[in-house]
Amino acid sequence: MKKCMLLASIAVAVCSTQVAAVDLSSIVKDPTAKQKTVQPSSSVLAGLAAQQLGLSEESVNAGLGALLKVAKDHINVDDFGLISKALPDMNSYLEAAPKSSTSSLSSMLGGSDSSGKKALSLGYLDSAFESIGIPKEQVPMLIGTLTGYLAQNGYSKEAEMLKQGLSFL
């Protein structure tokens, strides 16, 4: 098991290094060109979660994005910044998350108090996972895969921050 995680960590490091080199060279050659978004579909995390949950990587990417989007609302900015550094594909996951459509009822619930914020987040996640096709029963496993991935790659502190940000689920 440790050998498998070591190989996965090495694969992530190799993939991340190659992607960064390509992105940087394209920026240097044409500074006015728009930066391409790197899809996290090649991510070891997405592949691992897809395999464990029996879902497509596209569904997993959107599900991870939805969880991270909600966590961002429940974790302070500095801590979320540390989590972002631990997950190099963070922006791609967030972009893959279903867009939220806030109804007038959820707008009233989403006041500044924490219970309103939690209710709004739960409503978003219910809607997001239904649209993605991820059963509610698999959400804890997806969270476990995400936090386990962070912890196995030396980001135990960030994994705990993420767990705390999603602890209301």
Protein backbone atom coordinates (compact mmCIF):
# COMPACT_ATOMS: atom_id res chain seq x y z
CA MET A 1 0.00 0.00 0.00
CA LYS A 2 2.84 2.38 0.87
CA LYS A 3 4.57 1.57 -2.41
CA CYS A 4 1.35 2.40 -4.28
CA MET A 5 1.01 5.77 -2.53
CA LEU A 6 4.70 6.49 -3.14
CA LEU A 7 4.26 5.76 -6.84
CA ALA A 8 1.13 7.93 -6.91
CA SER A 9 3.05 10.78 -5.24
CA ILE A 10 5.87 10.48 -7.75
CA ALA A 11 3.39 10.45 -10.63
CA VAL A 12 1.73 13.62 -9.30
CA ALA A 13 5.11 15.32 -8.97
CA VAL A 14 6.14 14.34 -12.50
CA CYS A 15 2.79 15.37 -14.02
CA SER A 16 2.73 18.67 -12.14
CA THR A 17 6.27 19.53 -13.20
CA GLN A 18 5.56 18.86 -16.86
CA VAL A 19 2.31 20.83 -16.84
CA ALA A 20 3.95 23.81 -15.15
CA ALA A 21 6.76 23.83 -17.71
CA VAL A 22 4.31 23.85 -20.60
CA ASP A 23 2.19 26.59 -19.08
CA LEU A 24 5.17 28.81 -18.30
CA SER A 25 6.68 28.50 -21.77
CA SER A 26 3.38 29.42 -23.43
CA ILE A 27 3.11 32.53 -21.25
CA VAL A 28 6.67 33.60 -22.03
CA LYS A 29 6.25 33.19 -25.81
CA ASP A 30 3.00 35.12 -26.02
CA PRO A 31 2.28 37.27 -22.95
CA THR A 32 -1.05 38.46 -24.41
CA ALA A 33 -2.39 34.93 -24.91
CA LYS A 34 -4.97 33.66 -22.46
CA GLN A 35 -3.68 31.03 -20.09
CA LYS A 36 -5.17 27.62 -20.80
CA THR A 37 -6.94 25.88 -17.96
CA VAL A 38 -5.36 22.56 -17.12
CA GLN A 39 -8.12 20.00 -16.66
CA PRO A 40 -7.69 17.92 -13.53
CA SER A 41 -8.87 14.80 -15.42
CA SER A 42 -5.27 13.60 -15.55
CA SER A 43 -4.97 14.12 -11.81
CA VAL A 44 -3.99 11.15 -9.72
CA LEU A 45 -6.54 12.27 -7.11
CA ALA A 46 -9.42 12.27 -9.61
CA GLY A 47 -8.34 8.92 -11.02
CA LEU A 48 -8.07 7.40 -7.56
CA ALA A 49 -11.47 8.73 -6.46
CA ALA A 50 -13.12 7.67 -9.72
CA GLN A 51 -11.75 4.16 -9.31
CA GLN A 52 -12.77 3.90 -5.64
CA LEU A 53 -16.28 5.24 -6.21
CA GLY A 54 -16.96 3.69 -9.60
CA LEU A 55 -17.62 7.10 -11.19
CA SER A 56 -16.24 8.95 -14.19
CA GLU A 57 -13.34 11.34 -13.63
CA GLU A 58 -15.55 14.15 -14.95
CA SER A 59 -18.11 13.46 -12.21
CA VAL A 60 -15.39 13.22 -9.58
CA ASN A 61 -13.83 16.51 -10.73
CA ALA A 62 -17.20 18.27 -10.42
CA GLY A 63 -17.86 16.62 -7.04
CA LEU A 64 -14.47 17.61 -5.68
CA GLY A 65 -15.07 21.12 -6.97
CA ALA A 66 -18.44 21.31 -5.21
CA LEU A 67 -16.91 20.15 -1.93
CA LEU A 68 -14.02 22.60 -2.23
CA LYS A 69 -16.40 25.42 -3.14
CA VAL A 70 -18.38 24.80 0.04
CA ALA A 71 -15.24 24.34 2.14
CA LYS A 72 -13.98 27.70 0.90
CA ASP A 73 -17.06 29.32 2.49
CA HIS A 74 -16.44 27.62 5.85
CA ILE A 75 -12.65 27.90 6.20
CA ASN A 76 -10.75 31.11 6.85
CA VAL A 77 -8.89 32.59 3.89
CA ASP A 78 -5.38 31.78 5.14
CA ASP A 79 -6.19 28.13 5.84
CA PHE A 80 -7.91 27.74 2.48
CA GLY A 81 -4.79 29.21 0.87
CA LEU A 82 -2.72 26.42 2.45
CA ILE A 83 -5.17 23.82 1.12
CA SER A 84 -4.94 25.44 -2.33
CA LYS A 85 -1.17 25.06 -2.29
CA ALA A 86 -1.53 21.39 -1.36
CA LEU A 87 -3.92 20.80 -4.30
CA PRO A 88 -2.31 22.23 -7.43
CA ASP A 89 -5.47 21.57 -9.49
CA MET A 90 -7.67 23.53 -7.06
CA ASN A 91 -8.88 26.11 -9.59
CA SER A 92 -9.70 23.45 -12.15
CA TYR A 93 -11.77 21.58 -9.59
CA LEU A 94 -13.58 24.77 -8.57
CA GLU A 95 -14.31 25.56 -12.24
CA ALA A 96 -15.69 22.04 -12.75
CA ALA A 97 -18.15 22.47 -9.86
CA PRO A 98 -21.78 23.01 -10.80
CA LYS A 99 -22.80 26.64 -10.72
CA SER A 100 -25.09 27.62 -7.88
CA SER A 101 -28.49 29.10 -8.42
CA THR A 102 -29.67 30.80 -5.27
CA SER A 103 -33.41 31.01 -4.81
CA SER A 104 -35.02 33.81 -2.85
CA LEU A 105 -35.67 31.40 0.02
CA SER A 106 -32.04 30.31 0.22
CA SER A 107 -30.97 33.96 -0.04
CA MET A 108 -33.00 34.68 3.08
CA LEU A 109 -31.39 31.69 4.83
CA GLY A 110 -27.92 32.69 3.76
CA GLY A 111 -27.56 35.58 6.15
CA SER A 112 -24.44 36.19 8.14
CA ASP A 113 -25.19 33.55 10.78
CA SER A 114 -23.48 30.20 10.53
CA SER A 115 -26.68 28.13 10.47
CA GLY A 116 -27.92 30.04 7.41
CA LYS A 117 -24.57 29.56 5.72
CA LYS A 118 -24.65 25.83 6.48
CA ALA A 119 -28.21 25.50 5.16
CA LEU A 120 -27.23 27.29 1.97
CA SER A 121 -24.19 25.04 1.56
CA LEU A 122 -26.24 21.88 2.15
CA GLY A 123 -28.80 23.02 -0.42
CA TYR A 124 -26.06 23.70 -2.95
CA LEU A 125 -24.41 20.32 -2.36
CA ASP A 126 -27.72 18.44 -2.66
CA SER A 127 -28.42 20.14 -5.96
CA ALA A 128 -24.83 19.82 -7.21
CA PHE A 129 -24.45 16.12 -6.45
CA GLU A 130 -27.85 15.36 -7.92
CA SER A 131 -26.92 17.15 -11.17
CA ILE A 132 -23.53 15.39 -11.29
CA GLY A 133 -25.06 12.00 -10.58
CA ILE A 134 -23.17 11.26 -7.38
CA PRO A 135 -25.38 9.52 -4.79
CA LYS A 136 -25.45 11.15 -1.35
CA GLU A 137 -24.14 7.93 0.16
CA GLN A 138 -20.86 8.42 -1.71
CA VAL A 139 -20.18 11.96 -0.48
CA PRO A 140 -18.44 10.83 2.74
CA MET A 141 -16.24 8.49 0.69
CA LEU A 142 -15.34 11.36 -1.67
CA ILE A 143 -14.42 13.54 1.31
CA GLY A 144 -12.39 10.67 2.76
CA THR A 145 -10.53 10.16 -0.52
CA LEU A 146 -9.73 13.87 -0.76
CA THR A 147 -8.54 14.26 2.83
CA GLY A 148 -6.73 10.91 2.72
CA TYR A 149 -4.93 11.98 -0.45
CA LEU A 150 -3.76 15.17 1.24
CA ALA A 151 -2.62 13.35 4.38
CA GLN A 152 -0.80 10.62 2.41
CA ASN A 153 1.12 13.28 0.50
CA GLY A 154 2.40 15.11 3.56
CA TYR A 155 -0.45 17.57 4.04
CA SER A 156 -2.05 16.20 7.22
CA LYS A 157 -2.61 19.69 8.64
CA GLU A 158 -4.40 20.79 5.46
CA ALA A 159 -6.46 17.57 5.46
CA GLU A 160 -7.62 18.35 9.01
CA MET A 161 -8.50 21.93 8.05
CA LEU A 162 -10.58 20.61 5.17
CA LYS A 163 -12.31 18.07 7.43
CA GLN A 164 -13.19 20.86 9.86
CA GLY A 165 -14.53 23.03 7.05
CA LEU A 166 -16.81 20.20 5.93
CA SER A 167 -17.63 18.86 9.40
CA PHE A 168 -21.23 20.08 9.23
CA LEU A 169 -22.04 17.60 6.44
